[in-house]
Structures are given as C-alpha cells and as structure tokens.
Amino acid sequence: MNPILWLLPGAICGAAEFFLTKVISGRVLQGKTPILLLVFKLVSYAAILLPVFFLLPRAGATWFGIGAGGGVLAAGLFFAVTTIVKEKR
C-alpha cells in the first residue's frame, strides 16, 4: 500500500480532534464541566493512535502522523477563515 494513502485518514482524524478540542474548550469557557467529552477525547486518541503506531509499519504511521498534523492545521485555518468572514457581515 502506498504510504501517501495514509495522509487522508490522518487528516480526517486530525480535523476531528481539532473540532472536539474546540467543543471542549468552548464548554470550559462557558463554565461547564465537559468530563464526558474529555473521556471521549482520550478514548478516541487511544482507539485511533495506539493501533496506528503499534500495528502499522513505520512509514505508514509516519504518513498518518503527517496527515493528522496537516488535518489539525487545515481545520484550524478553515475555522479561522469562516469566523472572520462571518464577523465581517
């Protein structure tokens, strides 16, 4: 399997983790306690990242990690741009 194909699942996981972190931080800033969301975030990290890094060959895990980092960056940029566009209206 081409290791570059691991970029897409990594990017999807990275974007999902970004938005989950955004929801958690929003609830904390509202004064609510997001215990269940924090547990879900830790479980999702374990469910996704442990098998990837322990069961995949090193090249696949590296490309997955690069995709996850790119997914976090892309989701953050997308969110920032949409927020700026909404505020200018």
N, C-alpha and C. Protein backbone atom coordinates (compact mmCIF):
# COMPACT_ATOMS: atom_id res chain seq x y z
N MET A 1 0.85 -1.18 0.00
CA MET A 1 0.00 0.00 0.00
C MET A 1 0.89 1.24 0.00
N ASN A 2 0.51 2.18 -0.79
CA ASN A 2 1.26 3.42 -0.89
C ASN A 2 1.15 4.21 0.42
N PRO A 3 2.29 4.58 1.01
CA PRO A 3 2.21 5.28 2.31
C PRO A 3 1.53 6.64 2.23
N ILE A 4 1.49 7.23 1.04
CA ILE A 4 0.84 8.53 0.91
C ILE A 4 -0.67 8.39 1.13
N LEU A 5 -1.22 7.20 0.93
CA LEU A 5 -2.65 6.98 1.16
C LEU A 5 -3.02 7.11 2.64
N TRP A 6 -2.03 7.11 3.54
CA TRP A 6 -2.31 7.28 4.97
C TRP A 6 -2.49 8.75 5.33
N LEU A 7 -2.20 9.66 4.39
CA LEU A 7 -2.39 11.08 4.68
C LEU A 7 -3.86 11.42 4.89
N LEU A 8 -4.75 10.89 4.07
CA LEU A 8 -6.17 11.23 4.17
C LEU A 8 -6.79 10.78 5.49
N PRO A 9 -6.63 9.52 5.91
CA PRO A 9 -7.19 9.16 7.22
C PRO A 9 -6.57 9.96 8.36
N GLY A 10 -5.28 10.28 8.25
CA GLY A 10 -4.64 11.10 9.26
C GLY A 10 -5.23 12.49 9.30
N ALA A 11 -5.48 13.07 8.13
CA ALA A 11 -6.06 14.41 8.07
C ALA A 11 -7.48 14.42 8.64
N ILE A 12 -8.24 13.39 8.37
CA ILE A 12 -9.61 13.31 8.90
C ILE A 12 -9.57 13.19 10.43
N CYS A 13 -8.68 12.36 10.94
CA CYS A 13 -8.57 12.22 12.40
C CYS A 13 -8.07 13.51 13.04
N GLY A 14 -7.14 14.18 12.40
CA GLY A 14 -6.64 15.44 12.93
C GLY A 14 -7.72 16.51 12.97
N ALA A 15 -8.52 16.59 11.90
CA ALA A 15 -9.61 17.56 11.88
C ALA A 15 -10.66 17.24 12.94
N ALA A 16 -10.96 15.96 13.10
CA ALA A 16 -11.94 15.57 14.12
C ALA A 16 -11.45 15.92 15.52
N GLU A 17 -10.17 15.70 15.77
CA GLU A 17 -9.61 16.04 17.09
C GLU A 17 -9.60 17.55 17.30
N PHE A 18 -9.36 18.33 16.24
CA PHE A 18 -9.41 19.79 16.38
C PHE A 18 -10.80 20.25 16.80
N PHE A 19 -11.82 19.76 16.11
CA PHE A 19 -13.17 20.21 16.42
C PHE A 19 -13.64 19.69 17.77
N LEU A 20 -13.19 18.51 18.17
CA LEU A 20 -13.52 18.02 19.51
C LEU A 20 -12.85 18.89 20.58
N THR A 21 -11.62 19.30 20.34
CA THR A 21 -10.95 20.20 21.27
C THR A 21 -11.65 21.55 21.31
N LYS A 22 -12.12 22.03 20.17
CA LYS A 22 -12.86 23.30 20.10
C LYS A 22 -14.13 23.23 20.93
N VAL A 23 -14.86 22.13 20.83
CA VAL A 23 -16.09 21.97 21.61
C VAL A 23 -15.78 21.92 23.10
N ILE A 24 -14.75 21.19 23.47
CA ILE A 24 -14.37 21.08 24.89
C ILE A 24 -13.97 22.44 25.44
N SER A 25 -13.13 23.17 24.71
CA SER A 25 -12.69 24.47 25.21
C SER A 25 -13.85 25.46 25.25
N GLY A 26 -14.79 25.38 24.33
CA GLY A 26 -15.96 26.25 24.38
C GLY A 26 -16.82 25.98 25.61
N ARG A 27 -16.98 24.72 25.95
CA ARG A 27 -17.77 24.39 27.15
C ARG A 27 -17.05 24.81 28.42
N VAL A 28 -15.73 24.70 28.45
CA VAL A 28 -14.98 25.14 29.63
C VAL A 28 -15.11 26.65 29.78
N LEU A 29 -15.02 27.39 28.68
CA LEU A 29 -15.15 28.85 28.75
C LEU A 29 -16.55 29.29 29.15
N GLN A 30 -17.56 28.45 28.93
CA GLN A 30 -18.92 28.75 29.36
C GLN A 30 -19.13 28.42 30.84
N GLY A 31 -18.15 27.81 31.46
CA GLY A 31 -18.26 27.45 32.87
C GLY A 31 -18.84 26.07 33.10
N LYS A 32 -18.96 25.27 32.07
CA LYS A 32 -19.48 23.91 32.21
C LYS A 32 -18.30 22.94 32.34
N THR A 33 -18.57 21.79 32.89
CA THR A 33 -17.53 20.77 33.07
C THR A 33 -17.73 19.67 32.04
N PRO A 34 -16.85 19.59 31.04
CA PRO A 34 -17.02 18.60 29.97
C PRO A 34 -16.30 17.28 30.25
N ILE A 35 -16.60 16.67 31.40
CA ILE A 35 -15.91 15.43 31.78
C ILE A 35 -16.13 14.32 30.74
N LEU A 36 -17.36 14.15 30.31
CA LEU A 36 -17.66 13.09 29.35
C LEU A 36 -16.94 13.33 28.02
N LEU A 37 -16.87 14.58 27.58
CA LEU A 37 -16.16 14.89 26.35
C LEU A 37 -14.66 14.65 26.48
N LEU A 38 -14.11 14.96 27.64
CA LEU A 38 -12.69 14.71 27.86
C LEU A 38 -12.38 13.21 27.85
N VAL A 39 -13.25 12.43 28.45
CA VAL A 39 -13.07 10.98 28.44
C VAL A 39 -13.19 10.46 27.01
N PHE A 40 -14.16 10.99 26.26
CA PHE A 40 -14.33 10.58 24.86
C PHE A 40 -13.09 10.94 24.03
N LYS A 41 -12.51 12.11 24.28
CA LYS A 41 -11.30 12.52 23.55
C LYS A 41 -10.14 11.58 23.85
N LEU A 42 -9.94 11.23 25.11
CA LEU A 42 -8.87 10.30 25.46
C LEU A 42 -9.09 8.92 24.86
N VAL A 43 -10.33 8.46 24.88
CA VAL A 43 -10.65 7.16 24.29
C VAL A 43 -10.44 7.19 22.78
N SER A 44 -10.81 8.29 22.14
CA SER A 44 -10.62 8.37 20.69
C SER A 44 -9.14 8.40 20.33
N TYR A 45 -8.33 9.11 21.12
CA TYR A 45 -6.88 9.07 20.89
C TYR A 45 -6.36 7.64 21.01
N ALA A 46 -6.76 6.96 22.05
CA ALA A 46 -6.28 5.59 22.25
C ALA A 46 -6.78 4.65 21.16
N ALA A 47 -8.03 4.80 20.77
CA ALA A 47 -8.61 3.91 19.77
C ALA A 47 -8.01 4.11 18.38
N ILE A 48 -7.57 5.30 18.09
CA ILE A 48 -7.03 5.58 16.76
C ILE A 48 -5.51 5.49 16.74
N LEU A 49 -4.87 6.18 17.65
CA LEU A 49 -3.42 6.33 17.55
C LEU A 49 -2.63 5.11 18.02
N LEU A 50 -3.08 4.44 19.05
CA LEU A 50 -2.31 3.28 19.51
C LEU A 50 -2.22 2.17 18.45
N PRO A 51 -3.34 1.76 17.83
CA PRO A 51 -3.21 0.75 16.77
C PRO A 51 -2.40 1.23 15.57
N VAL A 52 -2.55 2.51 15.23
CA VAL A 52 -1.81 3.03 14.07
C VAL A 52 -0.32 2.95 14.32
N PHE A 53 0.13 3.41 15.47
CA PHE A 53 1.56 3.46 15.70
C PHE A 53 2.16 2.13 16.14
N PHE A 54 1.34 1.21 16.65
CA PHE A 54 1.89 -0.08 17.05
C PHE A 54 1.72 -1.16 16.00
N LEU A 55 0.72 -1.06 15.14
CA LEU A 55 0.45 -2.12 14.18
C LEU A 55 0.87 -1.81 12.75
N LEU A 56 0.96 -0.55 12.40
CA LEU A 56 1.37 -0.19 11.05
C LEU A 56 2.89 -0.22 10.92
N PRO A 57 3.36 -0.41 9.70
CA PRO A 57 4.80 -0.23 9.50
C PRO A 57 5.17 1.23 9.75
N ARG A 58 6.42 1.47 10.00
CA ARG A 58 6.87 2.81 10.38
C ARG A 58 6.51 3.87 9.34
N ALA A 59 6.63 3.55 8.06
CA ALA A 59 6.33 4.52 7.00
C ALA A 59 4.84 4.90 7.03
N GLY A 60 3.97 3.93 7.22
CA GLY A 60 2.53 4.22 7.27
C GLY A 60 2.17 5.07 8.48
N ALA A 61 2.77 4.77 9.62
CA ALA A 61 2.49 5.56 10.82
C ALA A 61 3.03 6.98 10.69
N THR A 62 4.17 7.12 10.04
CA THR A 62 4.73 8.46 9.84
C THR A 62 3.82 9.29 8.95
N TRP A 63 3.36 8.71 7.84
CA TRP A 63 2.46 9.44 6.94
C TRP A 63 1.12 9.74 7.61
N PHE A 64 0.64 8.83 8.45
CA PHE A 64 -0.59 9.09 9.20
C PHE A 64 -0.39 10.28 10.13
N GLY A 65 0.74 10.33 10.82
CA GLY A 65 1.04 11.44 11.72
C GLY A 65 1.17 12.76 10.98
N ILE A 66 1.79 12.74 9.81
CA ILE A 66 1.89 13.95 9.00
C ILE A 66 0.50 14.40 8.56
N GLY A 67 -0.34 13.45 8.17
CA GLY A 67 -1.71 13.80 7.79
C GLY A 67 -2.51 14.34 8.96
N ALA A 68 -2.31 13.78 10.15
CA ALA A 68 -3.03 14.27 11.34
C ALA A 68 -2.62 15.70 11.67
N GLY A 69 -1.34 15.99 11.59
CA GLY A 69 -0.88 17.35 11.82
C GLY A 69 -1.42 18.31 10.78
N GLY A 70 -1.44 17.88 9.53
CA GLY A 70 -2.00 18.72 8.46
C GLY A 70 -3.50 18.90 8.62
N GLY A 71 -4.18 17.88 9.12
CA GLY A 71 -5.62 18.00 9.35
C GLY A 71 -5.95 19.00 10.44
N VAL A 72 -5.16 19.00 11.50
CA VAL A 72 -5.36 19.98 12.57
C VAL A 72 -5.13 21.39 12.03
N LEU A 73 -4.06 21.57 11.27
CA LEU A 73 -3.75 22.88 10.69
C LEU A 73 -4.83 23.33 9.71
N ALA A 74 -5.26 22.44 8.83
CA ALA A 74 -6.28 22.79 7.84
C ALA A 74 -7.61 23.11 8.51
N ALA A 75 -8.00 22.33 9.51
CA ALA A 75 -9.25 22.60 10.22
C ALA A 75 -9.18 23.93 10.96
N GLY A 76 -8.04 24.22 11.56
CA GLY A 76 -7.87 25.50 12.25
C GLY A 76 -7.94 26.67 11.30
N LEU A 77 -7.29 26.56 10.16
CA LEU A 77 -7.36 27.63 9.16
C LEU A 77 -8.76 27.80 8.61
N PHE A 78 -9.44 26.69 8.34
CA PHE A 78 -10.82 26.76 7.84
C PHE A 78 -11.73 27.44 8.86
N PHE A 79 -11.60 27.06 10.12
CA PHE A 79 -12.42 27.65 11.17
C PHE A 79 -12.12 29.14 11.32
N ALA A 80 -10.84 29.52 11.27
CA ALA A 80 -10.47 30.92 11.41
C ALA A 80 -11.02 31.75 10.25
N VAL A 81 -10.91 31.25 9.03
CA VAL A 81 -11.41 31.98 7.87
C VAL A 81 -12.92 32.13 7.93
N THR A 82 -13.63 31.05 8.27
CA THR A 82 -15.10 31.16 8.33
C THR A 82 -15.53 32.10 9.45
N THR A 83 -14.82 32.13 10.55
CA THR A 83 -15.15 33.04 11.65
C THR A 83 -14.92 34.49 11.22
N ILE A 84 -13.82 34.75 10.54
CA ILE A 84 -13.54 36.11 10.08
C ILE A 84 -14.58 36.57 9.07
N VAL A 85 -14.97 35.70 8.17
CA VAL A 85 -15.97 36.05 7.14
C VAL A 85 -17.32 36.33 7.81
N LYS A 86 -17.71 35.53 8.80
CA LYS A 86 -18.97 35.74 9.50
C LYS A 86 -18.97 37.04 10.27
N GLU A 87 -17.83 37.42 10.87
CA GLU A 87 -17.75 38.65 11.67
C GLU A 87 -17.80 39.90 10.80
N LYS A 88 -17.37 39.80 9.55
CA LYS A 88 -17.37 40.96 8.66
C LYS A 88 -18.75 41.26 8.10
N ARG A 89 -19.67 40.33 8.20
CA ARG A 89 -21.03 40.56 7.66
C ARG A 89 -21.82 41.48 8.51
